[in-house]
Amino acid sequence: MIDFDVSKIKVIFMDIGGVILTNGWDHESRAKAAKIFGFDYDEMNILHNFIYNVFEIGSISLDEYLDTVVFEIPQAFTKEEFKELMYSQSVELPQMLPWLKKWKKQTDLPVFAISNENKELNDYRIQTFDLHELFDGFFSSCYVGYRKPDPRIFKTALEITQVKPDECIYFDDRPMLVHAAKKLGMNSILHQNFETTKNILEHFIRK
């Protein structure tokens, strides 16, 4: 159900993890890595939670992150083997991305990503899944230095694209982040499944 004026919308913003792709490095991926490589997940997760915010805003590199949370002690596996597993956790969610790439050719609206992501995984996901075919640009936490739900990441996106909050829509799969955008006046929509998001976006087919 749409509760905004479609004719007023000038820009579409969208999250990536949980909407288009799986999350890049969530707790399930970390637990899987601990099981495969045989290290203590709980110990690793304490260190992860301590430093991940710094990692996601681009203040440290992937190597520096891994040196802190995994390789602070000698391991029986290499950093490259661990990175390979990290990258492999990114896969397309059913149906969404192929449809969106076709839809993008049928709309005249610009589409931008607003996502929390560390630089290396962000770059990998953009290149591997050809996300430039969908997005005109990326307001990623690692580039702008803020991470959701910090309102500054949304304000930066609005200022750079030069639209008012009620002139855009934003899709995210996390209620807290939908609420954070809505508090700024953005038309914020909870992504629940392919069909409901598809039905909304079909209103913007203009070619």
N, C-alpha and C. Protein backbone atom coordinates (compact mmCIF):
# COMPACT_ATOMS: atom_id res chain seq x y z
N MET A 1 0.84 -1.20 0.00
CA MET A 1 0.00 0.00 0.00
C MET A 1 0.88 1.25 0.00
N ILE A 2 0.54 2.21 -0.84
CA ILE A 2 1.32 3.43 -0.96
C ILE A 2 0.61 4.58 -0.25
N ASP A 3 1.32 5.26 0.65
CA ASP A 3 0.73 6.37 1.38
C ASP A 3 1.47 7.67 1.09
N PHE A 4 1.98 7.80 -0.15
CA PHE A 4 2.66 9.02 -0.56
C PHE A 4 2.28 9.33 -2.01
N ASP A 5 2.59 10.55 -2.42
CA ASP A 5 2.26 11.01 -3.76
C ASP A 5 3.36 10.56 -4.73
N VAL A 6 3.04 9.61 -5.58
CA VAL A 6 4.02 9.05 -6.52
C VAL A 6 4.59 10.14 -7.43
N SER A 7 3.77 11.10 -7.80
CA SER A 7 4.21 12.13 -8.75
C SER A 7 5.27 13.05 -8.15
N LYS A 8 5.39 13.09 -6.83
CA LYS A 8 6.36 13.98 -6.17
C LYS A 8 7.75 13.35 -6.05
N ILE A 9 7.85 12.04 -6.26
CA ILE A 9 9.10 11.33 -6.00
C ILE A 9 10.13 11.65 -7.09
N LYS A 10 11.32 12.07 -6.65
CA LYS A 10 12.40 12.41 -7.57
C LYS A 10 13.60 11.47 -7.47
N VAL A 11 13.75 10.78 -6.34
CA VAL A 11 14.90 9.89 -6.12
C VAL A 11 14.44 8.67 -5.33
N ILE A 12 15.02 7.53 -5.65
CA ILE A 12 14.78 6.31 -4.89
C ILE A 12 16.08 5.88 -4.21
N PHE A 13 15.99 5.68 -2.90
CA PHE A 13 17.11 5.17 -2.11
C PHE A 13 16.80 3.74 -1.68
N MET A 14 17.85 2.93 -1.56
CA MET A 14 17.64 1.53 -1.24
C MET A 14 18.83 0.95 -0.49
N ASP A 15 18.54 0.13 0.51
CA ASP A 15 19.58 -0.63 1.18
C ASP A 15 20.01 -1.77 0.25
N ILE A 16 21.14 -2.37 0.55
CA ILE A 16 21.63 -3.50 -0.26
C ILE A 16 21.47 -4.82 0.49
N GLY A 17 22.15 -4.94 1.65
CA GLY A 17 22.08 -6.18 2.42
C GLY A 17 20.70 -6.40 3.01
N GLY A 18 20.11 -7.55 2.72
CA GLY A 18 18.78 -7.87 3.21
C GLY A 18 17.67 -7.47 2.25
N VAL A 19 18.02 -6.69 1.22
CA VAL A 19 17.04 -6.29 0.20
C VAL A 19 17.41 -6.91 -1.14
N ILE A 20 18.67 -6.74 -1.53
CA ILE A 20 19.13 -7.22 -2.83
C ILE A 20 20.07 -8.41 -2.69
N LEU A 21 21.00 -8.27 -1.75
CA LEU A 21 21.97 -9.33 -1.46
C LEU A 21 21.84 -9.75 0.00
N THR A 22 22.44 -10.88 0.34
CA THR A 22 22.57 -11.23 1.74
C THR A 22 23.44 -10.19 2.42
N ASN A 23 23.40 -10.13 3.74
CA ASN A 23 24.27 -9.23 4.47
C ASN A 23 25.72 -9.64 4.25
N GLY A 24 26.61 -8.65 4.22
CA GLY A 24 27.99 -8.93 3.88
C GLY A 24 28.76 -9.72 4.93
N TRP A 25 28.54 -9.37 6.21
CA TRP A 25 29.35 -10.02 7.25
C TRP A 25 28.58 -9.96 8.57
N ASP A 26 27.46 -10.68 8.61
CA ASP A 26 26.61 -10.66 9.80
C ASP A 26 26.97 -11.78 10.76
N HIS A 27 26.21 -11.91 11.83
CA HIS A 27 26.55 -12.90 12.87
C HIS A 27 26.49 -14.33 12.34
N GLU A 28 25.60 -14.60 11.40
CA GLU A 28 25.52 -15.94 10.83
C GLU A 28 26.78 -16.28 10.04
N SER A 29 27.27 -15.30 9.29
CA SER A 29 28.51 -15.51 8.53
C SER A 29 29.70 -15.70 9.46
N ARG A 30 29.74 -14.93 10.52
CA ARG A 30 30.85 -15.05 11.48
C ARG A 30 30.80 -16.39 12.20
N ALA A 31 29.61 -16.84 12.55
CA ALA A 31 29.47 -18.14 13.20
C ALA A 31 29.89 -19.27 12.26
N LYS A 32 29.55 -19.12 10.99
CA LYS A 32 29.95 -20.11 9.99
C LYS A 32 31.47 -20.15 9.86
N ALA A 33 32.08 -18.98 9.83
CA ALA A 33 33.55 -18.90 9.73
C ALA A 33 34.22 -19.56 10.93
N ALA A 34 33.67 -19.33 12.13
CA ALA A 34 34.23 -19.93 13.33
C ALA A 34 34.16 -21.45 13.28
N LYS A 35 33.06 -21.95 12.75
CA LYS A 35 32.89 -23.41 12.65
C LYS A 35 33.84 -24.01 11.63
N ILE A 36 33.96 -23.36 10.48
CA ILE A 36 34.82 -23.88 9.42
C ILE A 36 36.29 -23.84 9.80
N PHE A 37 36.70 -22.71 10.39
CA PHE A 37 38.13 -22.53 10.69
C PHE A 37 38.50 -22.96 12.11
N GLY A 38 37.50 -23.29 12.93
CA GLY A 38 37.76 -23.86 14.24
C GLY A 38 38.32 -22.90 15.27
N PHE A 39 37.71 -21.72 15.39
CA PHE A 39 38.12 -20.81 16.47
C PHE A 39 36.90 -20.44 17.30
N ASP A 40 37.12 -19.82 18.44
CA ASP A 40 36.06 -19.50 19.39
C ASP A 40 35.24 -18.31 18.89
N TYR A 41 33.99 -18.56 18.54
CA TYR A 41 33.12 -17.51 18.00
C TYR A 41 32.87 -16.41 19.02
N ASP A 42 32.61 -16.79 20.26
CA ASP A 42 32.28 -15.80 21.29
C ASP A 42 33.43 -14.82 21.52
N GLU A 43 34.64 -15.35 21.58
CA GLU A 43 35.80 -14.48 21.76
C GLU A 43 35.96 -13.54 20.56
N MET A 44 35.80 -14.10 19.36
CA MET A 44 35.92 -13.30 18.16
C MET A 44 34.83 -12.23 18.11
N ASN A 45 33.62 -12.58 18.54
CA ASN A 45 32.51 -11.66 18.44
C ASN A 45 32.65 -10.48 19.41
N ILE A 46 33.26 -10.70 20.54
CA ILE A 46 33.52 -9.60 21.47
C ILE A 46 34.43 -8.57 20.81
N LEU A 47 35.47 -9.04 20.16
CA LEU A 47 36.40 -8.14 19.47
C LEU A 47 35.73 -7.48 18.27
N HIS A 48 34.92 -8.27 17.56
CA HIS A 48 34.19 -7.74 16.41
C HIS A 48 33.29 -6.57 16.83
N ASN A 49 32.50 -6.77 17.87
CA ASN A 49 31.58 -5.73 18.32
C ASN A 49 32.32 -4.49 18.80
N PHE A 50 33.51 -4.68 19.30
CA PHE A 50 34.30 -3.57 19.80
C PHE A 50 34.79 -2.66 18.67
N ILE A 51 35.11 -3.26 17.53
CA ILE A 51 35.79 -2.50 16.48
C ILE A 51 34.99 -2.34 15.19
N TYR A 52 33.86 -3.04 15.05
CA TYR A 52 33.20 -3.08 13.74
C TYR A 52 32.68 -1.72 13.30
N ASN A 53 32.19 -0.91 14.24
CA ASN A 53 31.71 0.42 13.85
C ASN A 53 32.82 1.24 13.19
N VAL A 54 34.03 1.11 13.73
CA VAL A 54 35.19 1.82 13.17
C VAL A 54 35.50 1.28 11.77
N PHE A 55 35.36 -0.02 11.61
CA PHE A 55 35.60 -0.69 10.33
C PHE A 55 34.60 -0.24 9.27
N GLU A 56 33.32 -0.16 9.65
CA GLU A 56 32.28 0.16 8.67
C GLU A 56 32.29 1.62 8.22
N ILE A 57 32.89 2.50 8.99
CA ILE A 57 32.95 3.89 8.53
C ILE A 57 34.26 4.19 7.80
N GLY A 58 35.03 3.13 7.51
CA GLY A 58 36.21 3.28 6.67
C GLY A 58 37.46 3.75 7.39
N SER A 59 37.46 3.71 8.72
CA SER A 59 38.63 4.20 9.46
C SER A 59 39.77 3.20 9.51
N ILE A 60 39.45 1.91 9.36
CA ILE A 60 40.49 0.89 9.29
C ILE A 60 40.21 -0.02 8.10
N SER A 61 41.25 -0.70 7.63
CA SER A 61 41.14 -1.59 6.48
C SER A 61 40.67 -2.97 6.91
N LEU A 62 40.36 -3.79 5.93
CA LEU A 62 39.99 -5.17 6.21
C LEU A 62 41.13 -5.92 6.89
N ASP A 63 42.35 -5.70 6.44
CA ASP A 63 43.50 -6.34 7.08
C ASP A 63 43.62 -5.94 8.55
N GLU A 64 43.41 -4.66 8.83
CA GLU A 64 43.51 -4.19 10.21
C GLU A 64 42.38 -4.77 11.06
N TYR A 65 41.20 -4.88 10.50
CA TYR A 65 40.07 -5.51 11.20
C TYR A 65 40.41 -6.96 11.54
N LEU A 66 40.89 -7.70 10.55
CA LEU A 66 41.20 -9.11 10.77
C LEU A 66 42.35 -9.30 11.75
N ASP A 67 43.32 -8.41 11.71
CA ASP A 67 44.42 -8.49 12.67
C ASP A 67 43.92 -8.36 14.11
N THR A 68 42.83 -7.64 14.28
CA THR A 68 42.28 -7.42 15.62
C THR A 68 41.37 -8.56 16.06
N VAL A 69 40.46 -9.00 15.18
CA VAL A 69 39.42 -9.93 15.63
C VAL A 69 39.73 -11.41 15.39
N VAL A 70 40.64 -11.71 14.48
CA VAL A 70 40.93 -13.12 14.17
C VAL A 70 42.41 -13.45 14.34
N PHE A 71 43.27 -12.60 13.83
CA PHE A 71 44.70 -12.92 13.79
C PHE A 71 45.50 -12.23 14.88
N GLU A 72 44.83 -11.92 15.99
CA GLU A 72 45.57 -11.40 17.14
C GLU A 72 46.43 -12.48 17.78
N ILE A 73 46.10 -13.75 17.44
CA ILE A 73 46.94 -14.89 17.82
C ILE A 73 47.21 -15.70 16.55
N PRO A 74 48.29 -16.50 16.51
CA PRO A 74 48.57 -17.30 15.32
C PRO A 74 47.42 -18.26 15.00
N GLN A 75 47.12 -18.39 13.72
CA GLN A 75 46.05 -19.28 13.28
C GLN A 75 46.59 -20.31 12.30
N ALA A 76 45.85 -21.41 12.15
CA ALA A 76 46.28 -22.48 11.25
C ALA A 76 45.82 -22.23 9.82
N PHE A 77 45.24 -21.08 9.56
CA PHE A 77 44.77 -20.72 8.23
C PHE A 77 45.31 -19.33 7.91
N THR A 78 45.26 -18.99 6.64
CA THR A 78 45.83 -17.72 6.21
C THR A 78 44.75 -16.64 6.14
N LYS A 79 45.19 -15.41 6.10
CA LYS A 79 44.28 -14.28 5.97
C LYS A 79 43.55 -14.33 4.63
N GLU A 80 44.24 -14.75 3.59
CA GLU A 80 43.61 -14.83 2.27
C GLU A 80 42.51 -15.88 2.25
N GLU A 81 42.72 -17.01 2.93
CA GLU A 81 41.68 -18.04 3.01
C GLU A 81 40.46 -17.50 3.75
N PHE A 82 40.70 -16.73 4.78
CA PHE A 82 39.60 -16.17 5.55
C PHE A 82 38.84 -15.13 4.73
N LYS A 83 39.55 -14.29 4.01
CA LYS A 83 38.90 -13.29 3.17
C LYS A 83 38.03 -13.96 2.10
N GLU A 84 38.53 -15.04 1.54
CA GLU A 84 37.77 -15.75 0.51
C GLU A 84 36.43 -16.22 1.06
N LEU A 85 36.43 -16.72 2.30
CA LEU A 85 35.18 -17.14 2.91
C LEU A 85 34.27 -15.93 3.16
N MET A 86 34.85 -14.83 3.62
CA MET A 86 34.05 -13.63 3.85
C MET A 86 33.33 -13.20 2.57
N TYR A 87 34.06 -13.12 1.48
CA TYR A 87 33.47 -12.69 0.22
C TYR A 87 32.39 -13.66 -0.26
N SER A 88 32.59 -14.94 -0.01
CA SER A 88 31.65 -15.95 -0.50
C SER A 88 30.29 -15.89 0.19
N GLN A 89 30.20 -15.17 1.30
CA GLN A 89 28.92 -15.06 2.01
C GLN A 89 27.94 -14.14 1.29
N SER A 90 28.41 -13.36 0.36
CA SER A 90 27.54 -12.46 -0.39
C SER A 90 26.92 -13.19 -1.57
N VAL A 91 25.61 -13.36 -1.54
CA VAL A 91 24.88 -13.97 -2.65
C VAL A 91 23.61 -13.16 -2.91
N GLU A 92 23.08 -13.29 -4.10
CA GLU A 92 21.84 -12.60 -4.45
C GLU A 92 20.65 -13.21 -3.71
N LEU A 93 19.75 -12.35 -3.25
CA LEU A 93 18.49 -12.84 -2.72
C LEU A 93 17.56 -13.17 -3.90
N PRO A 94 16.64 -14.10 -3.72
CA PRO A 94 15.81 -14.57 -4.84
C PRO A 94 15.08 -13.45 -5.58
N GLN A 95 15.22 -13.46 -6.90
CA GLN A 95 14.44 -12.65 -7.85
C GLN A 95 14.78 -11.16 -7.89
N MET A 96 15.19 -10.58 -6.79
CA MET A 96 15.20 -9.12 -6.66
C MET A 96 16.13 -8.43 -7.65
N LEU A 97 17.40 -8.79 -7.67
CA LEU A 97 18.36 -8.03 -8.46
C LEU A 97 18.11 -8.12 -9.97
N PRO A 98 17.85 -9.30 -10.53
CA PRO A 98 17.58 -9.34 -11.97
C PRO A 98 16.38 -8.47 -12.36
N TRP A 99 15.33 -8.52 -11.55
CA TRP A 99 14.16 -7.70 -11.85
C TRP A 99 14.48 -6.22 -11.74
N LEU A 100 15.22 -5.83 -10.71
CA LEU A 100 15.56 -4.42 -10.51
C LEU A 100 16.39 -3.87 -11.67
N LYS A 101 17.30 -4.67 -12.20
CA LYS A 101 18.13 -4.21 -13.31
C LYS A 101 17.28 -3.97 -14.56
N LYS A 102 16.28 -4.79 -14.78
CA LYS A 102 15.36 -4.57 -15.90
C LYS A 102 14.49 -3.35 -15.64
N TRP A 103 14.01 -3.24 -14.39
CA TRP A 103 13.16 -2.11 -14.01
C TRP A 103 13.90 -0.79 -14.18
N LYS A 104 15.20 -0.76 -13.84
CA LYS A 104 15.97 0.48 -13.91
C LYS A 104 15.97 1.06 -15.32
N LYS A 105 15.91 0.22 -16.33
CA LYS A 105 15.90 0.67 -17.71
C LYS A 105 14.53 1.25 -18.10
N GLN A 106 13.55 1.08 -17.23
CA GLN A 106 12.19 1.53 -17.53
C GLN A 106 11.75 2.73 -16.69
N THR A 107 12.67 3.25 -15.88
CA THR A 107 12.33 4.41 -15.07
C THR A 107 13.30 5.54 -15.36
N ASP A 108 12.82 6.77 -15.17
CA ASP A 108 13.71 7.91 -15.36
C ASP A 108 14.23 8.45 -14.02
N LEU A 109 13.92 7.77 -12.93
CA LEU A 109 14.36 8.21 -11.62
C LEU A 109 15.76 7.71 -11.29
N PRO A 110 16.58 8.55 -10.67
CA PRO A 110 17.88 8.07 -10.20
C PRO A 110 17.69 7.17 -8.98
N VAL A 111 18.57 6.20 -8.85
CA VAL A 111 18.50 5.24 -7.74
C VAL A 111 19.85 5.19 -7.05
N PHE A 112 19.84 5.35 -5.73
CA PHE A 112 21.08 5.36 -4.96
C PHE A 112 20.99 4.36 -3.80
N ALA A 113 22.13 3.77 -3.47
CA ALA A 113 22.21 2.88 -2.32
C ALA A 113 22.57 3.69 -1.08
N ILE A 114 21.94 3.35 0.04
CA ILE A 114 22.35 3.84 1.35
C ILE A 114 22.59 2.60 2.20
N SER A 115 23.85 2.31 2.50
CA SER A 115 24.14 1.04 3.17
C SER A 115 25.29 1.16 4.15
N ASN A 116 25.26 0.28 5.15
CA ASN A 116 26.37 0.13 6.07
C ASN A 116 27.27 -0.98 5.54
N GLU A 117 28.48 -0.65 5.21
CA GLU A 117 29.38 -1.66 4.64
C GLU A 117 30.83 -1.21 4.77
N ASN A 118 31.70 -2.15 5.04
CA ASN A 118 33.13 -1.84 5.02
C ASN A 118 33.60 -1.76 3.56
N LYS A 119 34.69 -1.06 3.35
CA LYS A 119 35.09 -0.71 1.99
C LYS A 119 35.37 -1.92 1.11
N GLU A 120 36.14 -2.87 1.63
CA GLU A 120 36.54 -4.00 0.78
C GLU A 120 35.34 -4.85 0.36
N LEU A 121 34.45 -5.14 1.30
CA LEU A 121 33.27 -5.92 0.95
C LEU A 121 32.33 -5.11 0.06
N ASN A 122 32.22 -3.82 0.34
CA ASN A 122 31.37 -2.95 -0.48
C ASN A 122 31.85 -2.94 -1.93
N ASP A 123 33.14 -2.73 -2.13
CA ASP A 123 33.70 -2.71 -3.49
C ASP A 123 33.52 -4.06 -4.17
N TYR A 124 33.75 -5.13 -3.41
CA TYR A 124 33.59 -6.48 -3.96
C TYR A 124 32.16 -6.71 -4.43
N ARG A 125 31.19 -6.32 -3.62
CA ARG A 125 29.79 -6.57 -3.95
C ARG A 125 29.35 -5.73 -5.16
N ILE A 126 29.80 -4.48 -5.22
CA ILE A 126 29.47 -3.63 -6.37
C ILE A 126 29.98 -4.24 -7.67
N GLN A 127 31.23 -4.69 -7.65
CA GLN A 127 31.85 -5.24 -8.86
C GLN A 127 31.31 -6.62 -9.21
N THR A 128 31.19 -7.49 -8.22
CA THR A 128 30.79 -8.88 -8.48
C THR A 128 29.37 -8.98 -8.99
N PHE A 129 28.48 -8.16 -8.45
CA PHE A 129 27.07 -8.24 -8.81
C PHE A 129 26.63 -7.13 -9.77
N ASP A 130 27.62 -6.43 -10.34
CA ASP A 130 27.32 -5.38 -11.33
C ASP A 130 26.25 -4.41 -10.83
N LEU A 131 26.44 -3.92 -9.63
CA LEU A 131 25.42 -3.06 -9.02
C LEU A 131 25.32 -1.69 -9.69
N HIS A 132 26.31 -1.34 -10.51
CA HIS A 132 26.21 -0.09 -11.27
C HIS A 132 25.09 -0.15 -12.30
N GLU A 133 24.63 -1.34 -12.63
CA GLU A 133 23.50 -1.46 -13.55
C GLU A 133 22.20 -1.00 -12.90
N LEU A 134 22.19 -0.97 -11.58
CA LEU A 134 21.00 -0.53 -10.84
C LEU A 134 21.21 0.85 -10.22
N PHE A 135 22.33 1.03 -9.54
CA PHE A 135 22.53 2.25 -8.75
C PHE A 135 23.33 3.31 -9.52
N ASP A 136 22.91 4.55 -9.34
CA ASP A 136 23.63 5.67 -9.91
C ASP A 136 24.75 6.16 -8.99
N GLY A 137 24.75 5.69 -7.76
CA GLY A 137 25.78 6.05 -6.80
C GLY A 137 25.55 5.33 -5.50
N PHE A 138 26.54 5.42 -4.61
CA PHE A 138 26.51 4.64 -3.37
C PHE A 138 26.84 5.51 -2.17
N PHE A 139 25.87 5.71 -1.30
CA PHE A 139 26.10 6.37 -0.03
C PHE A 139 26.40 5.28 1.00
N SER A 140 27.60 4.73 0.91
CA SER A 140 28.02 3.64 1.79
C SER A 140 28.71 4.23 3.01
N SER A 141 28.52 3.61 4.15
CA SER A 141 29.10 4.11 5.39
C SER A 141 30.61 4.28 5.28
N CYS A 142 31.25 3.38 4.56
CA CYS A 142 32.71 3.44 4.43
C CYS A 142 33.18 4.64 3.61
N TYR A 143 32.30 5.20 2.79
CA TYR A 143 32.65 6.36 1.97
C TYR A 143 32.31 7.68 2.67
N VAL A 144 31.16 7.72 3.33
CA VAL A 144 30.70 8.99 3.89
C VAL A 144 31.11 9.18 5.35
N GLY A 145 31.54 8.12 6.03
CA GLY A 145 32.02 8.24 7.40
C GLY A 145 30.94 8.20 8.46
N TYR A 146 29.70 7.87 8.08
CA TYR A 146 28.60 7.69 9.02
C TYR A 146 27.95 6.35 8.72
N ARG A 147 27.35 5.74 9.72
CA ARG A 147 26.62 4.49 9.49
C ARG A 147 25.21 4.61 10.04
N LYS A 148 24.28 4.00 9.34
CA LYS A 148 22.90 3.98 9.83
C LYS A 148 22.85 3.33 11.22
N PRO A 149 22.04 3.84 12.13
CA PRO A 149 20.97 4.83 11.97
C PRO A 149 21.38 6.29 12.18
N ASP A 150 22.65 6.60 12.15
CA ASP A 150 23.08 7.99 12.27
C ASP A 150 22.35 8.83 11.22
N PRO A 151 21.58 9.83 11.62
CA PRO A 151 20.80 10.61 10.65
C PRO A 151 21.67 11.32 9.63
N ARG A 152 22.95 11.51 9.92
CA ARG A 152 23.82 12.22 8.99
C ARG A 152 23.98 11.49 7.67
N ILE A 153 23.89 10.17 7.66
CA ILE A 153 24.05 9.45 6.38
C ILE A 153 22.85 9.73 5.47
N PHE A 154 21.66 9.81 6.06
CA PHE A 154 20.47 10.13 5.28
C PHE A 154 20.49 11.60 4.84
N LYS A 155 20.89 12.48 5.75
CA LYS A 155 20.95 13.91 5.41
C LYS A 155 21.96 14.18 4.30
N THR A 156 23.09 13.46 4.36
CA THR A 156 24.11 13.61 3.31
C THR A 156 23.54 13.18 1.96
N ALA A 157 22.83 12.07 1.93
CA ALA A 157 22.23 11.59 0.68
C ALA A 157 21.22 12.59 0.13
N LEU A 158 20.42 13.17 1.02
CA LEU A 158 19.43 14.16 0.58
C LEU A 158 20.10 15.43 0.07
N GLU A 159 21.13 15.87 0.76
CA GLU A 159 21.81 17.11 0.36
C GLU A 159 22.54 16.95 -0.98
N ILE A 160 23.21 15.82 -1.17
CA ILE A 160 23.96 15.62 -2.41
C ILE A 160 23.03 15.43 -3.61
N THR A 161 21.92 14.75 -3.39
CA THR A 161 20.97 14.55 -4.50
C THR A 161 20.02 15.73 -4.65
N GLN A 162 20.05 16.65 -3.67
CA GLN A 162 19.24 17.87 -3.71
C GLN A 162 17.74 17.57 -3.81
N VAL A 163 17.27 16.70 -2.93
CA VAL A 163 15.83 16.43 -2.84
C VAL A 163 15.37 16.65 -1.41
N LYS A 164 14.12 17.00 -1.27
CA LYS A 164 13.51 17.12 0.05
C LYS A 164 13.13 15.72 0.54
N PRO A 165 13.02 15.54 1.85
CA PRO A 165 12.68 14.20 2.37
C PRO A 165 11.41 13.60 1.76
N ASP A 166 10.40 14.44 1.51
CA ASP A 166 9.15 13.89 0.97
C ASP A 166 9.19 13.70 -0.55
N GLU A 167 10.36 13.97 -1.15
CA GLU A 167 10.52 13.77 -2.59
C GLU A 167 11.30 12.49 -2.90
N CYS A 168 11.48 11.65 -1.90
CA CYS A 168 12.20 10.39 -2.13
C CYS A 168 11.48 9.26 -1.43
N ILE A 169 11.86 8.04 -1.80
CA ILE A 169 11.45 6.86 -1.03
C ILE A 169 12.70 6.07 -0.69
N TYR A 170 12.63 5.37 0.42
CA TYR A 170 13.78 4.60 0.90
C TYR A 170 13.31 3.23 1.35
N PHE A 171 13.97 2.18 0.83
CA PHE A 171 13.64 0.80 1.19
C PHE A 171 14.73 0.22 2.08
N ASP A 172 14.31 -0.41 3.18
CA ASP A 172 15.25 -1.11 4.06
C ASP A 172 14.52 -2.29 4.68
N ASP A 173 15.26 -3.33 5.02
CA ASP A 173 14.64 -4.52 5.60
C ASP A 173 14.62 -4.50 7.12
N ARG A 174 15.20 -3.49 7.74
CA ARG A 174 15.25 -3.43 9.20
C ARG A 174 14.33 -2.31 9.70
N PRO A 175 13.35 -2.67 10.53
CA PRO A 175 12.39 -1.67 11.03
C PRO A 175 13.06 -0.47 11.69
N MET A 176 14.12 -0.69 12.46
CA MET A 176 14.79 0.43 13.13
C MET A 176 15.32 1.44 12.14
N LEU A 177 15.86 0.97 11.01
CA LEU A 177 16.43 1.87 10.02
C LEU A 177 15.34 2.54 9.19
N VAL A 178 14.25 1.83 8.96
CA VAL A 178 13.09 2.44 8.32
C VAL A 178 12.58 3.59 9.18
N HIS A 179 12.51 3.36 10.48
CA HIS A 179 12.04 4.39 11.41
C HIS A 179 12.99 5.58 11.44
N ALA A 180 14.30 5.31 11.40
CA ALA A 180 15.29 6.40 11.44
C ALA A 180 15.12 7.33 10.24
N ALA A 181 14.89 6.76 9.06
CA ALA A 181 14.68 7.58 7.87
C ALA A 181 13.34 8.30 7.93
N LYS A 182 12.33 7.62 8.45
CA LYS A 182 11.00 8.22 8.55
C LYS A 182 10.99 9.42 9.48
N LYS A 183 11.80 9.38 10.52
CA LYS A 183 11.88 10.51 11.46
C LYS A 183 12.37 11.77 10.77
N LEU A 184 13.10 11.63 9.69
CA LEU A 184 13.59 12.78 8.93
C LEU A 184 12.58 13.26 7.89
N GLY A 185 11.47 12.55 7.79
CA GLY A 185 10.44 12.94 6.82
C GLY A 185 10.50 12.19 5.52
N MET A 186 11.42 11.21 5.41
CA MET A 186 11.53 10.42 4.18
C MET A 186 10.38 9.42 4.09
N ASN A 187 9.94 9.16 2.87
CA ASN A 187 8.96 8.09 2.65
C ASN A 187 9.69 6.76 2.76
N SER A 188 9.65 6.19 3.94
CA SER A 188 10.48 5.04 4.26
C SER A 188 9.64 3.77 4.29
N ILE A 189 10.10 2.76 3.58
CA ILE A 189 9.30 1.55 3.37
C ILE A 189 10.06 0.32 3.86
N LEU A 190 9.39 -0.51 4.63
CA LEU A 190 9.99 -1.76 5.10
C LEU A 190 9.92 -2.80 3.99
N HIS A 191 11.09 -3.23 3.52
CA HIS A 191 11.14 -4.29 2.51
C HIS A 191 10.87 -5.62 3.20
N GLN A 192 9.81 -6.30 2.79
CA GLN A 192 9.44 -7.58 3.40
C GLN A 192 9.66 -8.76 2.47
N ASN A 193 9.40 -8.53 1.19
CA ASN A 193 9.60 -9.60 0.21
C ASN A 193 9.65 -8.99 -1.19
N PHE A 194 10.00 -9.82 -2.14
CA PHE A 194 10.15 -9.37 -3.52
C PHE A 194 8.85 -8.77 -4.07
N GLU A 195 7.74 -9.46 -3.88
CA GLU A 195 6.49 -9.05 -4.51
C GLU A 195 6.02 -7.69 -4.02
N THR A 196 6.08 -7.44 -2.71
CA THR A 196 5.57 -6.17 -2.20
C THR A 196 6.42 -4.99 -2.67
N THR A 197 7.73 -5.17 -2.66
CA THR A 197 8.61 -4.09 -3.14
C THR A 197 8.44 -3.90 -4.65
N LYS A 198 8.34 -4.98 -5.38
CA LYS A 198 8.11 -4.91 -6.83
C LYS A 198 6.84 -4.14 -7.14
N ASN A 199 5.77 -4.41 -6.40
CA ASN A 199 4.49 -3.74 -6.66
C ASN A 199 4.59 -2.23 -6.46
N ILE A 200 5.39 -1.81 -5.50
CA ILE A 200 5.58 -0.38 -5.27
C ILE A 200 6.41 0.25 -6.39
N LEU A 201 7.51 -0.40 -6.73
CA LEU A 201 8.42 0.15 -7.73
C LEU A 201 7.81 0.19 -9.13
N GLU A 202 6.84 -0.67 -9.39
CA GLU A 202 6.19 -0.66 -10.71
C GLU A 202 5.46 0.66 -10.97
N HIS A 203 5.14 1.42 -9.91
CA HIS A 203 4.51 2.73 -10.08
C HIS A 203 5.44 3.74 -10.73
N PHE A 204 6.74 3.42 -10.77
CA PHE A 204 7.73 4.36 -11.29
C PHE A 204 8.27 3.96 -12.65
N ILE A 205 7.61 3.02 -13.29
CA ILE A 205 7.96 2.68 -14.67
C ILE A 205 7.42 3.79 -15.58
N ARG A 206 8.32 4.49 -16.26
CA ARG A 206 7.91 5.67 -17.02
C ARG A 206 8.44 5.67 -18.45
N LYS A 207 9.00 4.56 -18.88
CA LYS A 207 9.55 4.52 -20.24
C LYS A 207 8.85 3.45 -21.04
